[in-house]
Amino acid sequence: MGNERMTTVLGCIADDFTGATDLASMLARSGVQVSLRIGVPSEPPMDTAAFEVIALKSRTVPVAEAVAETRAALNWLRSAGAERFFWKYCSTFDSTADGNIGPVAEALMADLNTDQTIYCPAFPENGRSIFMGTLFVGQQPLAESSMKDHPLTPMRDSNLMRLLAPQVNRPVGLADRLTVAKGAQALQDELSSLKQQGVAHVVVDAVANTDLEVIASACKDMPLITGGSAIAMPLPALYLAEGLLPPDALTDQQPKLGTGSIILSGSCSVMTNKQVSGYIEGGAPSFRLDPLELAKNGLQAVLEWLSTQDLSSAPVIYATANPANVKAAQDKLGVAVAGKIIEQALAGCALAARDAGVRRFVVAGGETSGAITKALDVTRLEIGPEIAPGVPWTFCHSQGNQIALSLKSGNFGTETFFTQALTRLEAL
């Protein structure tokens, strides 16, 4: 990006790193420049883009910490000139009875002095839909999907109003699919009616991209929108139509990169298990990380293995495992310790790979992505071409080296995602 500051039209905050790249990817489909910051910048806004996204690692931290970090992000975005804001969480509404989705939303509403917002985690392209307030993953209700066994945020209810109500202090309501189907004005009228009844938190149904367009049209002027990334996808075109985006908001050309690639996978989602298995079956060199072995002996074995690999063959280092194996390790080490061991191990592998000449990193898993970007000392990403819905390549610098990062949420992408990612980058 250049050195001139552009007024930020939309300020976005995401509760994890893969979610942030997912959101940035949806916005970048418009061709408008998108800047992604890793954590709240310590410096005042400079060299800002029309769309600024701040990636936090707040999905599973204590509520008070999540609220404080999000408020700090909001303050920075406001100083960048933003007057419209987007609070992004996972399309499977990952949370607990205490939060952090609801408490963060209420804190943002208070700071923005607004008395209503919407909740729409639908992402039809990735099989996430909402009907009568029930969230579906494909054809399964959320609580019957693989998310019921998520190691950090197991989702045992599919009804978004019931999930949200214990997290907030003000009433929760629903704008259902029948209302959305009538168009933007009908939805605005319903939201206005609910506001008059004191309903501050409105879950909005969506089962197709056309629903997202209606919702975005109806809500584009709200100070705060909350949801998954897909609901933000129509916003750039709406802002362009209103003349809010300047002509020089277009993206820069993509950089040229050195050779050397690696896959680093910490996600244990169903799809990532299939992606890792398929990639290995295709002949890729691989090393499986065992948290119990790491706890006992550290990183020496995997680093020695990595030092012998041909990095042009894009080896994979993974902790991806089935739920039974994950639980066995958690039972022995504790949930937090087991997760931290894996994150630190993959971060250490990323540093070693960078120092060995890797410039293309494909990373699977939100917590893993956070650990790796922190280890690589990445503070800002420029959004590049999309690999799969919600998963772009991003470009940044690490220790003076220009690198490419793909940060993939666990269940995103097809079974051949890793190969697709590398092929997509080579085509630039």
Protein backbone atom coordinates (compact mmCIF):
# COMPACT_ATOMS: atom_id res chain seq x y z
CA MET A 1 0.00 0.00 0.00
CA GLY A 2 1.02 3.58 -0.44
CA ASN A 3 1.97 6.11 2.20
CA GLU A 4 -1.13 8.30 1.99
CA ARG A 5 -3.85 7.87 4.53
CA MET A 6 -7.34 7.08 3.23
CA THR A 7 -10.39 7.69 5.39
CA THR A 8 -11.69 4.38 6.65
CA VAL A 9 -15.28 3.79 5.54
CA LEU A 10 -15.86 0.53 7.42
CA GLY A 11 -14.02 -0.51 10.56
CA CYS A 12 -14.10 -4.23 11.29
CA ILE A 13 -13.15 -6.26 14.35
CA ALA A 14 -12.82 -10.06 14.27
CA ASP A 15 -12.51 -12.39 17.24
CA ASP A 16 -9.82 -14.59 15.68
CA PHE A 17 -7.26 -14.46 12.87
CA THR A 18 -8.81 -16.83 10.37
CA GLY A 19 -12.13 -15.07 10.87
CA ALA A 20 -10.42 -11.78 10.10
CA THR A 21 -8.95 -13.06 6.84
CA ASP A 22 -12.32 -14.59 5.99
CA LEU A 23 -14.00 -11.19 6.43
CA ALA A 24 -11.22 -9.37 4.59
CA SER A 25 -11.59 -11.82 1.71
CA MET A 26 -15.31 -11.13 1.40
CA LEU A 27 -14.67 -7.38 1.31
CA ALA A 28 -11.77 -7.73 -1.14
CA ARG A 29 -14.00 -9.44 -3.71
CA SER A 30 -15.12 -5.91 -4.58
CA GLY A 31 -11.63 -4.95 -5.73
CA VAL A 32 -11.35 -2.37 -2.95
CA GLN A 33 -8.20 -2.20 -0.89
CA VAL A 34 -8.47 -4.08 2.41
CA SER A 35 -5.92 -3.82 5.22
CA LEU A 36 -5.81 -6.40 8.01
CA ARG A 37 -4.08 -5.52 11.28
CA ILE A 38 -2.91 -8.23 13.68
CA GLY A 39 -3.98 -6.96 17.06
CA VAL A 40 -4.76 -3.35 17.93
CA PRO A 41 -2.04 -1.15 16.37
CA SER A 42 0.16 0.60 18.89
CA GLU A 43 0.61 3.63 16.63
CA PRO A 44 -2.04 6.15 15.53
CA PRO A 45 -3.68 5.45 12.15
CA MET A 46 -1.39 6.04 9.17
CA ASP A 47 -1.48 4.59 5.65
CA THR A 48 -5.04 3.37 6.22
CA ALA A 49 -7.34 1.68 3.71
CA ALA A 50 -11.04 2.17 2.98
CA PHE A 51 -11.70 -1.12 4.76
CA GLU A 52 -9.70 -1.79 7.91
CA VAL A 53 -9.95 -5.12 9.72
CA ILE A 54 -8.44 -5.68 13.15
CA ALA A 55 -7.84 -9.32 14.07
CA LEU A 56 -8.03 -10.13 17.76
CA LYS A 57 -7.53 -13.45 19.50
CA SER A 58 -10.50 -12.99 21.79
CA ARG A 59 -12.93 -15.80 21.02
CA THR A 60 -12.14 -17.90 24.07
CA VAL A 61 -10.42 -15.46 26.45
CA PRO A 62 -12.19 -14.24 29.63
CA VAL A 63 -15.13 -11.93 28.87
CA ALA A 64 -13.59 -8.84 30.47
CA GLU A 65 -10.41 -9.26 28.43
CA ALA A 66 -12.37 -9.72 25.19
CA VAL A 67 -14.44 -6.61 25.89
CA ALA A 68 -11.38 -4.50 26.71
CA GLU A 69 -9.49 -5.58 23.58
CA THR A 70 -12.50 -4.98 21.35
CA ARG A 71 -13.10 -1.52 22.79
CA ALA A 72 -9.47 -0.64 22.14
CA ALA A 73 -9.87 -1.80 18.53
CA LEU A 74 -13.01 0.30 18.17
CA ASN A 75 -11.21 3.40 19.44
CA TRP A 76 -8.40 2.93 16.91
CA LEU A 77 -10.85 2.47 14.03
CA ARG A 78 -12.81 5.55 15.07
CA SER A 79 -9.59 7.56 15.02
CA ALA A 80 -9.05 6.27 11.47
CA GLY A 81 -12.30 7.96 10.50
CA ALA A 82 -14.69 5.01 10.53
CA GLU A 83 -18.33 5.69 11.38
CA ARG A 84 -19.70 2.25 10.49
CA PHE A 85 -18.48 -0.88 12.25
CA PHE A 86 -18.65 -4.64 11.84
CA TRP A 87 -18.17 -7.17 14.66
CA LYS A 88 -17.22 -10.50 13.10
CA TYR A 89 -17.49 -13.89 14.80
CA CYS A 90 -17.57 -17.44 13.47
CA SER A 91 -20.33 -18.61 11.13
CA THR A 92 -20.98 -21.40 13.64
CA PHE A 93 -21.55 -18.81 16.41
CA ASP A 94 -18.69 -20.25 18.48
CA SER A 95 -19.23 -19.09 22.03
CA THR A 96 -20.10 -20.17 25.54
CA ALA A 97 -22.99 -19.33 27.86
CA ASP A 98 -20.94 -16.42 29.19
CA GLY A 99 -19.78 -15.03 25.82
CA ASN A 100 -17.92 -13.64 24.14
CA ILE A 101 -20.28 -12.70 21.30
CA GLY A 102 -23.02 -11.01 23.31
CA PRO A 103 -20.94 -9.10 25.87
CA VAL A 104 -18.66 -7.70 23.16
CA ALA A 105 -21.64 -6.63 21.06
CA GLU A 106 -23.25 -4.84 24.03
CA ALA A 107 -19.98 -3.08 24.85
CA LEU A 108 -19.67 -1.87 21.26
CA MET A 109 -23.30 -0.74 21.25
CA ALA A 110 -22.71 1.26 24.43
CA ASP A 111 -19.59 2.94 23.05
CA LEU A 112 -21.37 3.77 19.79
CA ASN A 113 -24.51 4.93 21.60
CA THR A 114 -26.74 2.68 19.49
CA ASP A 115 -29.67 0.73 20.89
CA GLN A 116 -30.01 -2.05 18.31
CA THR A 117 -27.86 -4.37 16.22
CA ILE A 118 -28.31 -7.53 14.18
CA TYR A 119 -26.76 -11.00 14.39
CA CYS A 120 -26.36 -12.92 11.14
CA PRO A 121 -23.64 -15.62 11.03
CA ALA A 122 -25.06 -17.13 7.81
CA PHE A 123 -22.58 -18.06 5.07
CA PRO A 124 -24.57 -19.92 2.38
CA GLU A 125 -21.51 -20.61 0.17
CA ASN A 126 -20.01 -22.58 3.05
CA GLY A 127 -23.26 -24.28 4.07
CA ARG A 128 -24.17 -22.02 7.00
CA SER A 129 -27.81 -20.90 6.96
CA ILE A 130 -30.32 -19.55 9.46
CA PHE A 131 -34.03 -20.38 9.35
CA MET A 132 -36.47 -19.35 12.07
CA GLY A 133 -33.49 -18.55 14.24
CA THR A 134 -31.98 -22.02 13.93
CA LEU A 135 -28.43 -22.22 12.58
CA PHE A 136 -27.73 -25.04 10.13
CA VAL A 137 -24.37 -26.47 9.04
CA GLY A 138 -25.21 -27.99 5.70
CA GLN A 139 -28.44 -29.89 6.32
CA GLN A 140 -27.74 -30.45 10.00
CA PRO A 141 -28.77 -28.18 12.88
CA LEU A 142 -25.66 -26.75 14.55
CA ALA A 143 -25.98 -28.95 17.64
CA GLU A 144 -26.09 -32.09 15.47
CA SER A 145 -23.05 -31.12 13.39
CA SER A 146 -19.39 -31.78 14.20
CA MET A 147 -19.43 -28.50 16.17
CA LYS A 148 -21.11 -30.35 19.03
CA ASP A 149 -17.68 -31.83 19.82
CA HIS A 150 -15.56 -28.70 19.34
CA PRO A 151 -12.72 -28.91 21.90
CA LEU A 152 -13.03 -25.27 23.05
CA THR A 153 -16.59 -24.17 22.23
CA PRO A 154 -18.84 -27.22 21.90
CA MET A 155 -22.17 -26.08 20.47
CA ARG A 156 -25.04 -27.99 22.09
CA ASP A 157 -27.95 -25.79 20.96
CA SER A 158 -28.89 -24.72 17.43
CA ASN A 159 -31.22 -21.84 18.31
CA LEU A 160 -29.37 -18.53 18.11
CA MET A 161 -31.81 -16.65 20.33
CA ARG A 162 -31.38 -19.22 23.12
CA LEU A 163 -27.60 -19.12 22.68
CA LEU A 164 -27.47 -15.34 22.73
CA ALA A 165 -29.98 -14.52 25.47
CA PRO A 166 -27.82 -15.62 28.47
CA GLN A 167 -24.94 -13.50 27.16
CA VAL A 168 -26.74 -10.14 26.97
CA ASN A 169 -28.70 -7.86 29.28
CA ARG A 170 -31.33 -6.58 26.84
CA PRO A 171 -34.06 -8.47 24.94
CA VAL A 172 -33.32 -10.74 21.97
CA GLY A 173 -35.66 -11.07 18.97
CA LEU A 174 -35.92 -12.52 15.47
CA ALA A 175 -36.44 -11.12 11.98
CA ASP A 176 -37.36 -14.31 10.16
CA ARG A 177 -36.94 -15.48 6.58
CA LEU A 178 -40.51 -14.53 5.67
CA THR A 179 -39.71 -10.91 6.49
CA VAL A 180 -36.35 -10.95 4.69
CA ALA A 181 -38.01 -12.41 1.58
CA LYS A 182 -40.18 -9.28 1.33
CA GLY A 183 -37.15 -7.04 0.81
CA ALA A 184 -35.04 -4.38 2.48
CA GLN A 185 -37.87 -2.01 3.36
CA ALA A 186 -39.87 -4.79 5.04
CA LEU A 187 -36.81 -5.75 7.08
CA GLN A 188 -36.19 -2.13 8.08
CA ASP A 189 -39.82 -1.85 9.18
CA GLU A 190 -39.51 -5.04 11.25
CA LEU A 191 -36.31 -3.83 12.90
CA SER A 192 -37.99 -0.52 13.71
CA SER A 193 -40.97 -2.32 15.22
CA LEU A 194 -38.71 -4.52 17.33
CA LYS A 195 -36.76 -1.45 18.50
CA GLN A 196 -39.98 0.17 19.68
CA GLN A 197 -40.63 -3.00 21.70
CA GLY A 198 -37.20 -2.62 23.32
CA VAL A 199 -35.54 -5.48 21.40
CA ALA A 200 -31.85 -4.60 21.14
CA HIS A 201 -30.44 -7.83 19.72
CA VAL A 202 -32.04 -9.14 16.51
CA VAL A 203 -31.15 -12.47 14.94
CA VAL A 204 -31.83 -12.28 11.19
CA ASP A 205 -32.56 -15.34 9.04
CA ALA A 206 -30.64 -15.93 5.79
CA VAL A 207 -30.53 -19.03 3.60
CA ALA A 208 -29.08 -17.66 0.33
CA ASN A 209 -26.83 -14.87 -0.94
CA THR A 210 -29.90 -12.94 -2.08
CA ASP A 211 -30.97 -12.78 1.57
CA LEU A 212 -27.57 -11.34 2.49
CA GLU A 213 -28.03 -8.60 -0.11
CA VAL A 214 -31.43 -7.69 1.36
CA ILE A 215 -30.03 -7.62 4.90
CA ALA A 216 -26.99 -5.54 3.92
CA SER A 217 -29.21 -3.06 2.06
CA ALA A 218 -31.51 -2.72 5.05
CA CYS A 219 -28.74 -2.41 7.63
CA LYS A 220 -25.89 -0.63 5.79
CA ASP A 221 -26.39 2.59 7.74
CA MET A 222 -26.52 0.96 11.18
CA PRO A 223 -23.58 2.04 13.35
CA LEU A 224 -22.91 -1.62 14.19
CA ILE A 225 -23.56 -4.84 12.27
CA THR A 226 -22.54 -8.19 13.73
CA GLY A 227 -22.27 -11.56 12.05
CA GLY A 228 -20.21 -13.90 9.94
CA SER A 229 -18.17 -12.60 7.04
CA ALA A 230 -20.72 -13.24 4.30
CA ILE A 231 -23.14 -10.55 5.48
CA ALA A 232 -20.38 -7.98 4.82
CA MET A 233 -19.89 -9.12 1.22
CA PRO A 234 -22.57 -6.84 -0.32
CA LEU A 235 -21.48 -3.74 1.62
CA PRO A 236 -18.70 -2.49 -0.74
CA ALA A 237 -21.07 -2.25 -3.71
CA LEU A 238 -23.59 -0.39 -1.57
CA TYR A 239 -20.94 2.05 -0.40
CA LEU A 240 -19.71 2.54 -3.98
CA ALA A 241 -23.25 3.30 -5.11
CA GLU A 242 -23.51 5.97 -2.41
CA GLY A 243 -20.18 7.54 -3.38
CA LEU A 244 -18.57 6.72 -0.03
CA LEU A 245 -15.52 5.04 -1.60
CA PRO A 246 -12.94 7.13 -3.48
CA PRO A 247 -11.68 6.09 -6.95
CA ASP A 248 -8.20 5.31 -5.58
CA ALA A 249 -9.53 2.62 -3.23
CA LEU A 250 -8.54 -0.18 -5.65
CA THR A 251 -6.07 -2.87 -4.62
CA ASP A 252 -2.36 -2.87 -5.44
CA GLN A 253 -0.68 -5.47 -7.64
CA GLN A 254 0.37 -8.68 -5.91
CA PRO A 255 4.03 -9.07 -4.92
CA LYS A 256 6.51 -11.57 -6.32
CA LEU A 257 7.64 -14.17 -3.81
CA GLY A 258 10.57 -16.49 -3.34
CA THR A 259 10.23 -20.25 -3.42
CA GLY A 260 9.68 -22.61 -0.51
CA SER A 261 6.31 -23.65 0.92
CA ILE A 262 4.95 -25.36 4.01
CA ILE A 263 1.60 -26.51 5.40
CA LEU A 264 1.06 -26.07 9.15
CA SER A 265 -2.15 -27.54 10.53
CA GLY A 266 -3.42 -27.33 14.08
CA SER A 267 -7.14 -27.56 13.40
CA CYS A 268 -8.90 -30.80 14.34
CA SER A 269 -12.10 -30.07 12.42
CA VAL A 270 -13.71 -32.73 10.27
CA MET A 271 -12.77 -30.95 7.04
CA THR A 272 -9.17 -30.29 8.06
CA ASN A 273 -8.79 -33.99 8.94
CA LYS A 274 -9.89 -34.81 5.39
CA GLN A 275 -7.60 -32.15 3.91
CA VAL A 276 -4.55 -33.40 5.78
CA SER A 277 -5.27 -37.05 4.95
CA GLY A 278 -5.80 -36.30 1.28
CA TYR A 279 -2.66 -34.19 1.04
CA ILE A 280 -0.53 -36.90 2.64
CA GLU A 281 -2.09 -39.61 0.47
CA GLY A 282 -1.05 -37.51 -2.52
CA GLY A 283 2.57 -38.08 -1.56
CA ALA A 284 3.43 -34.97 0.43
CA PRO A 285 6.17 -35.31 3.09
CA SER A 286 4.53 -35.17 6.52
CA PHE A 287 5.25 -35.03 10.24
CA ARG A 288 2.57 -35.52 12.88
CA LEU A 289 2.91 -33.61 16.15
CA ASP A 290 1.89 -35.51 19.28
CA PRO A 291 1.16 -33.18 22.23
CA LEU A 292 2.22 -35.84 24.74
CA GLU A 293 5.52 -36.34 22.95
CA LEU A 294 6.05 -32.59 22.67
CA ALA A 295 5.36 -32.13 26.37
CA LYS A 296 8.02 -34.70 27.14
CA ASN A 297 10.74 -34.02 24.58
CA GLY A 298 10.08 -30.67 22.94
CA LEU A 299 10.57 -29.66 19.31
CA GLN A 300 13.90 -31.27 18.47
CA ALA A 301 12.51 -34.18 16.45
CA VAL A 302 10.28 -32.11 14.17
CA LEU A 303 12.93 -29.43 13.63
CA GLU A 304 15.50 -32.06 12.68
CA TRP A 305 12.96 -33.58 10.27
CA LEU A 306 12.18 -30.18 8.75
CA SER A 307 15.87 -29.45 8.18
CA THR A 308 16.10 -32.46 5.86
CA GLN A 309 13.08 -31.61 3.69
CA ASP A 310 12.93 -30.27 0.15
CA LEU A 311 10.88 -27.15 0.79
CA SER A 312 9.79 -26.94 -2.85
CA SER A 313 7.70 -30.06 -2.17
CA ALA A 314 5.59 -28.19 0.44
CA PRO A 315 5.82 -30.56 3.42
CA VAL A 316 3.04 -30.66 5.99
CA ILE A 317 3.47 -30.54 9.78
CA TYR A 318 0.22 -31.25 11.56
CA ALA A 319 -1.41 -31.87 14.93
CA THR A 320 -4.74 -32.58 13.26
CA ALA A 321 -6.41 -35.61 14.85
CA ASN A 322 -9.81 -37.16 15.43
CA PRO A 323 -11.91 -36.15 18.48
CA ALA A 324 -11.02 -39.28 20.44
CA ASN A 325 -7.27 -38.65 20.16
CA VAL A 326 -7.72 -34.97 20.96
CA LYS A 327 -9.69 -35.81 24.09
CA ALA A 328 -7.11 -38.37 25.20
CA ALA A 329 -4.37 -35.75 25.09
CA GLN A 330 -6.59 -33.18 26.82
CA ASP A 331 -7.43 -35.64 29.59
CA LYS A 332 -3.72 -36.11 30.33
CA LEU A 333 -2.47 -32.57 29.85
CA GLY A 334 -5.56 -30.41 30.34
CA VAL A 335 -7.43 -28.63 27.54
CA ALA A 336 -5.54 -25.34 27.78
CA VAL A 337 -2.09 -26.92 28.14
CA ALA A 338 -2.60 -29.34 25.24
CA GLY A 339 -3.71 -26.51 22.98
CA LYS A 340 -0.86 -24.23 24.03
CA ILE A 341 1.73 -26.94 23.40
CA ILE A 342 0.52 -27.43 19.85
CA GLU A 343 0.30 -23.70 19.13
CA GLN A 344 3.84 -23.10 20.39
CA ALA A 345 5.18 -26.08 18.44
CA LEU A 346 3.66 -24.97 15.15
CA ALA A 347 4.83 -21.41 15.76
CA GLY A 348 8.36 -22.72 16.32
CA CYS A 349 8.12 -24.71 13.09
CA ALA A 350 7.00 -21.60 11.22
CA LEU A 351 10.03 -19.65 12.43
CA ALA A 352 12.39 -22.47 11.46
CA ALA A 353 10.73 -22.74 8.05
CA ARG A 354 11.01 -19.01 7.42
CA ASP A 355 14.68 -19.03 8.35
CA ALA A 356 15.19 -22.00 6.00
CA GLY A 357 13.72 -20.06 3.07
CA VAL A 358 9.97 -20.74 3.16
CA ARG A 359 7.99 -17.80 1.81
CA ARG A 360 4.55 -19.44 1.35
CA PHE A 361 2.71 -20.60 4.46
CA VAL A 362 -0.63 -22.40 4.44
CA VAL A 363 -2.01 -22.46 7.99
CA ALA A 364 -5.12 -24.33 9.19
CA GLY A 365 -6.89 -23.38 12.41
CA GLY A 366 -7.78 -20.13 14.11
CA GLU A 367 -5.69 -20.56 17.26
CA THR A 368 -2.80 -21.89 15.16
CA SER A 369 -3.00 -18.88 12.85
CA GLY A 370 -2.85 -16.53 15.80
CA ALA A 371 0.21 -18.22 17.25
CA ILE A 372 2.04 -18.32 13.93
CA THR A 373 1.39 -14.72 12.92
CA LYS A 374 2.57 -13.60 16.35
CA ALA A 375 5.72 -15.69 16.12
CA LEU A 376 6.49 -14.32 12.66
CA ASP A 377 5.98 -10.80 14.06
CA VAL A 378 3.34 -9.99 11.46
CA THR A 379 1.33 -6.89 12.30
CA ARG A 380 -0.37 -6.10 8.99
CA LEU A 381 -1.61 -8.13 6.02
CA GLU A 382 -2.62 -7.04 2.54
CA ILE A 383 -5.43 -9.16 1.14
CA GLY A 384 -4.75 -11.04 -2.09
CA PRO A 385 -6.63 -13.52 -4.28
CA GLU A 386 -9.28 -15.82 -2.88
CA ILE A 387 -8.52 -19.55 -2.72
CA ALA A 388 -11.91 -20.71 -1.46
CA PRO A 389 -14.92 -18.84 -0.07
CA GLY A 390 -13.65 -16.92 2.94
CA VAL A 391 -9.99 -17.92 2.53
CA PRO A 392 -7.63 -15.56 0.67
CA TRP A 393 -3.91 -15.40 0.26
CA THR A 394 -2.47 -12.51 2.23
CA PHE A 395 0.87 -10.74 1.87
CA CYS A 396 3.11 -9.30 4.58
CA HIS A 397 6.68 -9.00 5.84
CA SER A 398 8.51 -11.08 8.42
CA GLN A 399 12.07 -10.34 9.50
CA GLY A 400 12.59 -8.29 6.33
CA ASN A 401 11.25 -11.05 4.07
CA GLN A 402 8.11 -10.69 1.95
CA ILE A 403 5.91 -13.73 2.59
CA ALA A 404 2.47 -15.07 1.73
CA LEU A 405 0.11 -16.46 4.37
CA SER A 406 -3.11 -18.38 3.92
CA LEU A 407 -4.95 -18.55 7.24
CA LYS A 408 -7.74 -21.10 6.97
CA SER A 409 -10.57 -21.61 9.41
CA GLY A 410 -10.89 -25.28 10.32
CA ASN A 411 -13.98 -26.30 8.35
CA PHE A 412 -13.41 -24.07 5.31
CA GLY A 413 -12.25 -25.24 1.90
CA THR A 414 -12.64 -28.49 -0.01
CA GLU A 415 -10.68 -31.70 0.58
CA THR A 416 -8.00 -30.55 -1.89
CA PHE A 417 -7.61 -27.12 -0.33
CA PHE A 418 -3.86 -27.32 0.37
CA THR A 419 -3.03 -28.12 -3.24
CA GLN A 420 -5.49 -25.52 -4.49
CA ALA A 421 -3.88 -22.87 -2.31
CA LEU A 422 -0.38 -23.47 -3.65
CA THR A 423 -1.61 -23.68 -7.24
CA ARG A 424 -3.53 -20.42 -6.85
CA LEU A 425 -0.42 -18.60 -5.69
CA GLU A 426 1.74 -19.99 -8.47
CA ALA A 427 -0.76 -18.65 -11.02
CA LEU A 428 -0.08 -15.02 -10.04
